[in-house]
Amino acid sequence: MRRRMGAAALEMDAASDGSAQTRWGATVAARLPSQRWPERTMLITAVDARTGEPVVFDRHSGVDLADAVAASCTNGFGVPPYSIGGNRYIDGGYRRNENADLAAGHGRVLVLSPLGGRSRHPLEWGMHLAAQADELRARGSRVETILPDSNSRNAFGSNLMDLSTRPPAARAGYNQGRAHAEQLIEFWR
């Protein structure tokens, strides 16, 4: 499926003049609070558009933070595959939506799932959020998932890159976070 998604994205991009990459990279970079990778571990996923293989970027991967984020957020349809070096990448959500499996080995895992645990993959593939949480629990992790409540879903909207939804989505998320605070205090004890 990832190979097919990548191939379709590459085909659609073949007719473009390449200026979308420059605009997309600049848009992503402008939205980041810093251009530097944090010292703490941060993993950003993407999928190689040519091979369909999942890729995980971190501060040691030799890829700029803005490029890693741009590649990870490139769905291949509204935004063409993103080039880094000689490779082209599409959205890391095609790897696994939440990528919670990357937290394997940690005692406690808090999964914030802005898309509500929905999967782009057939359920029988076992890549949906519930399967990822079950895998983590089987390896000894305590797992808590936070899905958007109805106010957050409504504020977030259907276009994940629509800047006008950011303030209302942030307010709704903040309110939901306050509502979950006691539950999460217990989780972290």
C-alpha atoms as a PDB file:
ATOM      1  CA  MET A   1       0.000   0.000   0.000  1.00  0.00           C
ATOM      2  CA  ARG A   2       2.809   2.443   0.870  1.00  0.00           C
ATOM      3  CA  ARG A   3       4.512   1.745  -2.456  1.00  0.00           C
ATOM      4  CA  ARG A   4       1.265   2.405  -4.307  1.00  0.00           C
ATOM      5  CA  MET A   5       0.691   5.639  -2.389  1.00  0.00           C
ATOM      6  CA  GLY A   6       4.247   6.750  -3.125  1.00  0.00           C
ATOM      7  CA  ALA A   7       3.988   5.830  -6.809  1.00  0.00           C
ATOM      8  CA  ALA A   8       0.741   7.746  -7.171  1.00  0.00           C
ATOM      9  CA  ALA A   9       2.260  10.780  -5.458  1.00  0.00           C
ATOM     10  CA  LEU A  10       5.367  10.642  -7.642  1.00  0.00           C
ATOM     11  CA  GLU A  11       3.222  10.348 -10.772  1.00  0.00           C
ATOM     12  CA  MET A  12       1.132  13.360  -9.809  1.00  0.00           C
ATOM     13  CA  ASP A  13       4.289  15.314  -9.011  1.00  0.00           C
ATOM     14  CA  ALA A  14       5.992  14.495 -12.332  1.00  0.00           C
ATOM     15  CA  ALA A  15       4.014  17.234 -14.082  1.00  0.00           C
ATOM     16  CA  SER A  16       4.906  19.926 -11.537  1.00  0.00           C
ATOM     17  CA  ASP A  17       7.644  22.509 -11.883  1.00  0.00           C
ATOM     18  CA  GLY A  18       9.207  21.758  -8.478  1.00  0.00           C
ATOM     19  CA  SER A  19       8.278  25.098  -6.908  1.00  0.00           C
ATOM     20  CA  ALA A  20       5.829  23.425  -4.506  1.00  0.00           C
ATOM     21  CA  GLN A  21       8.730  21.863  -2.583  1.00  0.00           C
ATOM     22  CA  THR A  22      10.312  25.254  -1.975  1.00  0.00           C
ATOM     23  CA  ARG A  23       7.011  26.756  -0.825  1.00  0.00           C
ATOM     24  CA  TRP A  24       6.207  23.750   1.380  1.00  0.00           C
ATOM     25  CA  GLY A  25       9.645  23.729   2.992  1.00  0.00           C
ATOM     26  CA  ALA A  26       9.398  27.454   3.728  1.00  0.00           C
ATOM     27  CA  THR A  27       5.872  27.061   5.150  1.00  0.00           C
ATOM     28  CA  VAL A  28       6.927  24.257   7.488  1.00  0.00           C
ATOM     29  CA  ALA A  29      10.112  26.043   8.585  1.00  0.00           C
ATOM     30  CA  ALA A  30       8.138  29.212   9.380  1.00  0.00           C
ATOM     31  CA  ARG A  31       5.773  27.263  11.642  1.00  0.00           C
ATOM     32  CA  LEU A  32       8.520  25.659  13.737  1.00  0.00           C
ATOM     33  CA  PRO A  33       9.551  27.430  16.941  1.00  0.00           C
ATOM     34  CA  SER A  34      13.179  26.460  16.270  1.00  0.00           C
ATOM     35  CA  GLN A  35      15.177  25.140  13.325  1.00  0.00           C
ATOM     36  CA  ARG A  36      17.328  22.966  15.592  1.00  0.00           C
ATOM     37  CA  TRP A  37      16.641  19.412  16.671  1.00  0.00           C
ATOM     38  CA  PRO A  38      15.960  19.200  20.413  1.00  0.00           C
ATOM     39  CA  GLU A  39      18.521  17.451  22.594  1.00  0.00           C
ATOM     40  CA  ARG A  40      15.846  15.073  23.839  1.00  0.00           C
ATOM     41  CA  THR A  41      14.872  12.197  21.620  1.00  0.00           C
ATOM     42  CA  MET A  42      12.414  13.183  18.933  1.00  0.00           C
ATOM     43  CA  LEU A  43      11.534  10.800  16.116  1.00  0.00           C
ATOM     44  CA  ILE A  44       9.859  11.986  12.921  1.00  0.00           C
ATOM     45  CA  THR A  45       8.468   9.445  10.485  1.00  0.00           C
ATOM     46  CA  ALA A  46       8.134   9.509   6.719  1.00  0.00           C
ATOM     47  CA  VAL A  47       7.803   6.957   3.940  1.00  0.00           C
ATOM     48  CA  ASP A  48      10.192   6.663   1.004  1.00  0.00           C
ATOM     49  CA  ALA A  49       7.924   7.408  -1.972  1.00  0.00           C
ATOM     50  CA  ARG A  50       9.892   5.177  -4.340  1.00  0.00           C
ATOM     51  CA  THR A  51      10.258   2.063  -2.181  1.00  0.00           C
ATOM     52  CA  GLY A  52       7.376   2.379   0.287  1.00  0.00           C
ATOM     53  CA  GLU A  53       9.821   1.759   3.122  1.00  0.00           C
ATOM     54  CA  PRO A  54       9.227   3.596   6.402  1.00  0.00           C
ATOM     55  CA  VAL A  55      11.914   6.047   7.518  1.00  0.00           C
ATOM     56  CA  VAL A  56      12.521   7.539  10.956  1.00  0.00           C
ATOM     57  CA  PHE A  57      14.475  10.785  11.217  1.00  0.00           C
ATOM     58  CA  ASP A  58      16.158  12.032  14.379  1.00  0.00           C
ATOM     59  CA  ARG A  59      18.873  14.546  15.228  1.00  0.00           C
ATOM     60  CA  HIS A  60      21.523  11.994  14.201  1.00  0.00           C
ATOM     61  CA  SER A  61      20.075  11.292  10.741  1.00  0.00           C
ATOM     62  CA  GLY A  62      21.861  14.184   9.018  1.00  0.00           C
ATOM     63  CA  VAL A  63      18.557  15.742   7.959  1.00  0.00           C
ATOM     64  CA  ASP A  64      17.524  19.266   8.962  1.00  0.00           C
ATOM     65  CA  LEU A  65      14.574  19.387  11.352  1.00  0.00           C
ATOM     66  CA  ALA A  66      12.451  21.472   8.964  1.00  0.00           C
ATOM     67  CA  ASP A  67      13.106  18.999   6.142  1.00  0.00           C
ATOM     68  CA  ALA A  68      12.186  16.030   8.341  1.00  0.00           C
ATOM     69  CA  VAL A  69       8.921  17.699   9.383  1.00  0.00           C
ATOM     70  CA  ALA A  70       8.144  18.754   5.797  1.00  0.00           C
ATOM     71  CA  ALA A  71       8.722  15.199   4.563  1.00  0.00           C
ATOM     72  CA  SER A  72       6.599  13.781   7.381  1.00  0.00           C
ATOM     73  CA  CYS A  73       3.655  16.063   6.580  1.00  0.00           C
ATOM     74  CA  THR A  74       3.709  15.586   2.814  1.00  0.00           C
ATOM     75  CA  ASN A  75       0.650  13.589   1.875  1.00  0.00           C
ATOM     76  CA  GLY A  76       1.644  13.380  -1.783  1.00  0.00           C
ATOM     77  CA  PHE A  77      -1.649  14.736  -3.062  1.00  0.00           C
ATOM     78  CA  GLY A  78      -2.175  18.284  -1.807  1.00  0.00           C
ATOM     79  CA  VAL A  79       1.556  18.569  -1.245  1.00  0.00           C
ATOM     80  CA  PRO A  80       3.941  16.664  -3.543  1.00  0.00           C
ATOM     81  CA  PRO A  81       6.574  14.204  -2.286  1.00  0.00           C
ATOM     82  CA  TYR A  82       9.356  16.035  -0.458  1.00  0.00           C
ATOM     83  CA  SER A  83      12.968  15.660  -1.592  1.00  0.00           C
ATOM     84  CA  ILE A  84      15.837  15.215   0.824  1.00  0.00           C
ATOM     85  CA  GLY A  85      19.097  14.373  -0.854  1.00  0.00           C
ATOM     86  CA  GLY A  86      18.228  12.022  -3.673  1.00  0.00           C
ATOM     87  CA  ASN A  87      15.166  10.568  -1.948  1.00  0.00           C
ATOM     88  CA  ARG A  88      11.494  11.539  -2.106  1.00  0.00           C
ATOM     89  CA  TYR A  89       9.220  11.154   0.912  1.00  0.00           C
ATOM     90  CA  ILE A  90       5.522  11.126   1.737  1.00  0.00           C
ATOM     91  CA  ASP A  91       3.571  11.421   4.984  1.00  0.00           C
ATOM     92  CA  GLY A  92       4.840   9.402   7.948  1.00  0.00           C
ATOM     93  CA  GLY A  93       1.222   8.607   8.794  1.00  0.00           C
ATOM     94  CA  TYR A  94       1.307   6.094   5.966  1.00  0.00           C
ATOM     95  CA  ARG A  95       3.799   4.162   8.119  1.00  0.00           C
ATOM     96  CA  ARG A  96       1.414   3.924  11.055  1.00  0.00           C
ATOM     97  CA  ASN A  97      -0.925   6.747  12.002  1.00  0.00           C
ATOM     98  CA  GLU A  98       0.282   7.365  15.538  1.00  0.00           C
ATOM     99  CA  ASN A  99       3.630   5.561  15.284  1.00  0.00           C
ATOM    100  CA  ALA A 100       3.201   4.613  18.937  1.00  0.00           C
ATOM    101  CA  ASP A 101       5.274   1.483  18.352  1.00  0.00           C
ATOM    102  CA  LEU A 102       8.359   3.728  18.334  1.00  0.00           C
ATOM    103  CA  ALA A 103       7.912   4.104  22.105  1.00  0.00           C
ATOM    104  CA  ALA A 104       8.610   0.389  22.694  1.00  0.00           C
ATOM    105  CA  GLY A 105      10.781  -0.142  25.736  1.00  0.00           C
ATOM    106  CA  HIS A 106       9.417   2.790  27.719  1.00  0.00           C
ATOM    107  CA  GLY A 107       7.601   2.096  30.980  1.00  0.00           C
ATOM    108  CA  ARG A 108       4.832   4.595  30.331  1.00  0.00           C
ATOM    109  CA  VAL A 109       3.573   5.754  26.971  1.00  0.00           C
ATOM    110  CA  LEU A 110       1.111   8.595  26.501  1.00  0.00           C
ATOM    111  CA  VAL A 111      -0.316   8.626  22.978  1.00  0.00           C
ATOM    112  CA  LEU A 112      -1.934  11.842  21.782  1.00  0.00           C
ATOM    113  CA  SER A 113      -3.938  10.878  18.723  1.00  0.00           C
ATOM    114  CA  PRO A 114      -5.232  13.983  16.940  1.00  0.00           C
ATOM    115  CA  LEU A 115      -6.957  11.853  14.296  1.00  0.00           C
ATOM    116  CA  GLY A 116      -8.808   9.827  16.891  1.00  0.00           C
ATOM    117  CA  GLY A 117      -7.103   6.500  16.320  1.00  0.00           C
ATOM    118  CA  ARG A 118      -8.421   6.177  12.759  1.00  0.00           C
ATOM    119  CA  SER A 119      -6.248   4.152  10.443  1.00  0.00           C
ATOM    120  CA  ARG A 120      -5.421   4.490   6.777  1.00  0.00           C
ATOM    121  CA  HIS A 121      -4.663   0.765   6.737  1.00  0.00           C
ATOM    122  CA  PRO A 122      -7.028  -2.207   6.723  1.00  0.00           C
ATOM    123  CA  LEU A 123      -7.741  -3.265  10.304  1.00  0.00           C
ATOM    124  CA  GLU A 124      -6.526  -6.812   9.666  1.00  0.00           C
ATOM    125  CA  TRP A 125      -3.002  -5.423   9.135  1.00  0.00           C
ATOM    126  CA  GLY A 126      -2.857  -4.622  12.867  1.00  0.00           C
ATOM    127  CA  MET A 127      -1.495  -1.123  12.361  1.00  0.00           C
ATOM    128  CA  HIS A 128      -4.308   0.833  14.005  1.00  0.00           C
ATOM    129  CA  LEU A 129      -3.886   2.538  17.377  1.00  0.00           C
ATOM    130  CA  ALA A 130      -5.509  -0.217  19.445  1.00  0.00           C
ATOM    131  CA  ALA A 131      -3.083  -2.784  17.992  1.00  0.00           C
ATOM    132  CA  GLN A 132      -0.112  -0.510  18.677  1.00  0.00           C
ATOM    133  CA  ALA A 133      -1.247   0.020  22.274  1.00  0.00           C
ATOM    134  CA  ASP A 134      -1.736  -3.731  22.719  1.00  0.00           C
ATOM    135  CA  GLU A 135       1.799  -4.369  21.400  1.00  0.00           C
ATOM    136  CA  LEU A 136       3.254  -1.871  23.855  1.00  0.00           C
ATOM    137  CA  ARG A 137       1.300  -3.364  26.762  1.00  0.00           C
ATOM    138  CA  ALA A 138       2.454  -6.865  25.793  1.00  0.00           C
ATOM    139  CA  ARG A 139       6.039  -5.577  26.094  1.00  0.00           C
ATOM    140  CA  GLY A 140       5.363  -4.217  29.583  1.00  0.00           C
ATOM    141  CA  SER A 141       4.446  -0.572  28.940  1.00  0.00           C
ATOM    142  CA  ARG A 142       1.587   1.220  30.641  1.00  0.00           C
ATOM    143  CA  VAL A 143      -0.285   2.980  27.847  1.00  0.00           C
ATOM    144  CA  GLU A 144      -2.742   5.836  27.989  1.00  0.00           C
ATOM    145  CA  THR A 145      -4.346   7.225  24.853  1.00  0.00           C
ATOM    146  CA  ILE A 146      -5.991  10.594  24.463  1.00  0.00           C
ATOM    147  CA  LEU A 147      -8.330  10.954  21.512  1.00  0.00           C
ATOM    148  CA  PRO A 148      -9.928  14.269  20.558  1.00  0.00           C
ATOM    149  CA  ASP A 149     -13.272  14.942  22.175  1.00  0.00           C
ATOM    150  CA  SER A 150     -16.113  16.325  20.043  1.00  0.00           C
ATOM    151  CA  ASN A 151     -15.133  19.954  20.695  1.00  0.00           C
ATOM    152  CA  SER A 152     -11.557  19.252  19.616  1.00  0.00           C
ATOM    153  CA  ARG A 153     -12.648  17.335  16.512  1.00  0.00           C
ATOM    154  CA  ASN A 154     -14.968  20.149  15.484  1.00  0.00           C
ATOM    155  CA  ALA A 155     -12.320  22.815  16.070  1.00  0.00           C
ATOM    156  CA  PHE A 156      -9.621  20.834  14.273  1.00  0.00           C
ATOM    157  CA  GLY A 157     -11.698  20.474  11.123  1.00  0.00           C
ATOM    158  CA  SER A 158     -10.940  18.284   8.130  1.00  0.00           C
ATOM    159  CA  ASN A 159      -7.994  20.218   6.642  1.00  0.00           C
ATOM    160  CA  LEU A 160      -5.035  19.514   8.901  1.00  0.00           C
ATOM    161  CA  MET A 161      -3.024  22.364   7.378  1.00  0.00           C
ATOM    162  CA  ASP A 162      -5.689  25.068   7.641  1.00  0.00           C
ATOM    163  CA  LEU A 163      -4.064  27.780   9.768  1.00  0.00           C
ATOM    164  CA  SER A 164      -7.432  29.295  10.685  1.00  0.00           C
ATOM    165  CA  THR A 165      -8.268  26.218  12.782  1.00  0.00           C
ATOM    166  CA  ARG A 166      -5.130  26.502  14.917  1.00  0.00           C
ATOM    167  CA  PRO A 167      -6.436  28.939  17.595  1.00  0.00           C
ATOM    168  CA  PRO A 168      -9.792  27.203  18.152  1.00  0.00           C
ATOM    169  CA  ALA A 169      -8.136  23.762  18.038  1.00  0.00           C
ATOM    170  CA  ALA A 170      -5.504  24.887  20.561  1.00  0.00           C
ATOM    171  CA  ARG A 171      -8.210  26.209  22.899  1.00  0.00           C
ATOM    172  CA  ALA A 172     -10.261  23.019  22.570  1.00  0.00           C
ATOM    173  CA  GLY A 173      -7.164  20.872  23.141  1.00  0.00           C
ATOM    174  CA  TYR A 174      -6.179  22.941  26.171  1.00  0.00           C
ATOM    175  CA  ASN A 175      -9.675  22.534  27.636  1.00  0.00           C
ATOM    176  CA  GLN A 176      -9.624  18.810  26.958  1.00  0.00           C
ATOM    177  CA  GLY A 177      -6.182  18.570  28.559  1.00  0.00           C
ATOM    178  CA  ARG A 178      -7.449  20.288  31.699  1.00  0.00           C
ATOM    179  CA  ALA A 179     -10.353  17.831  31.798  1.00  0.00           C
ATOM    180  CA  HIS A 180      -7.884  14.909  31.653  1.00  0.00           C
ATOM    181  CA  ALA A 181      -5.357  16.398  34.096  1.00  0.00           C
ATOM    182  CA  GLU A 182      -6.322  14.306  37.125  1.00  0.00           C
ATOM    183  CA  GLN A 183      -6.342  11.103  35.097  1.00  0.00           C
ATOM    184  CA  LEU A 184      -2.887  11.883  33.703  1.00  0.00           C
ATOM    185  CA  ILE A 185      -1.461  12.819  37.109  1.00  0.00           C
ATOM    186  CA  GLU A 186      -2.315   9.305  38.259  1.00  0.00           C
ATOM    187  CA  PHE A 187      -0.854   7.816  35.087  1.00  0.00           C
ATOM    188  CA  TRP A 188       2.530   9.493  35.662  1.00  0.00           C
ATOM    189  CA  ARG A 189       2.789   8.497  39.359  1.00  0.00           C
END
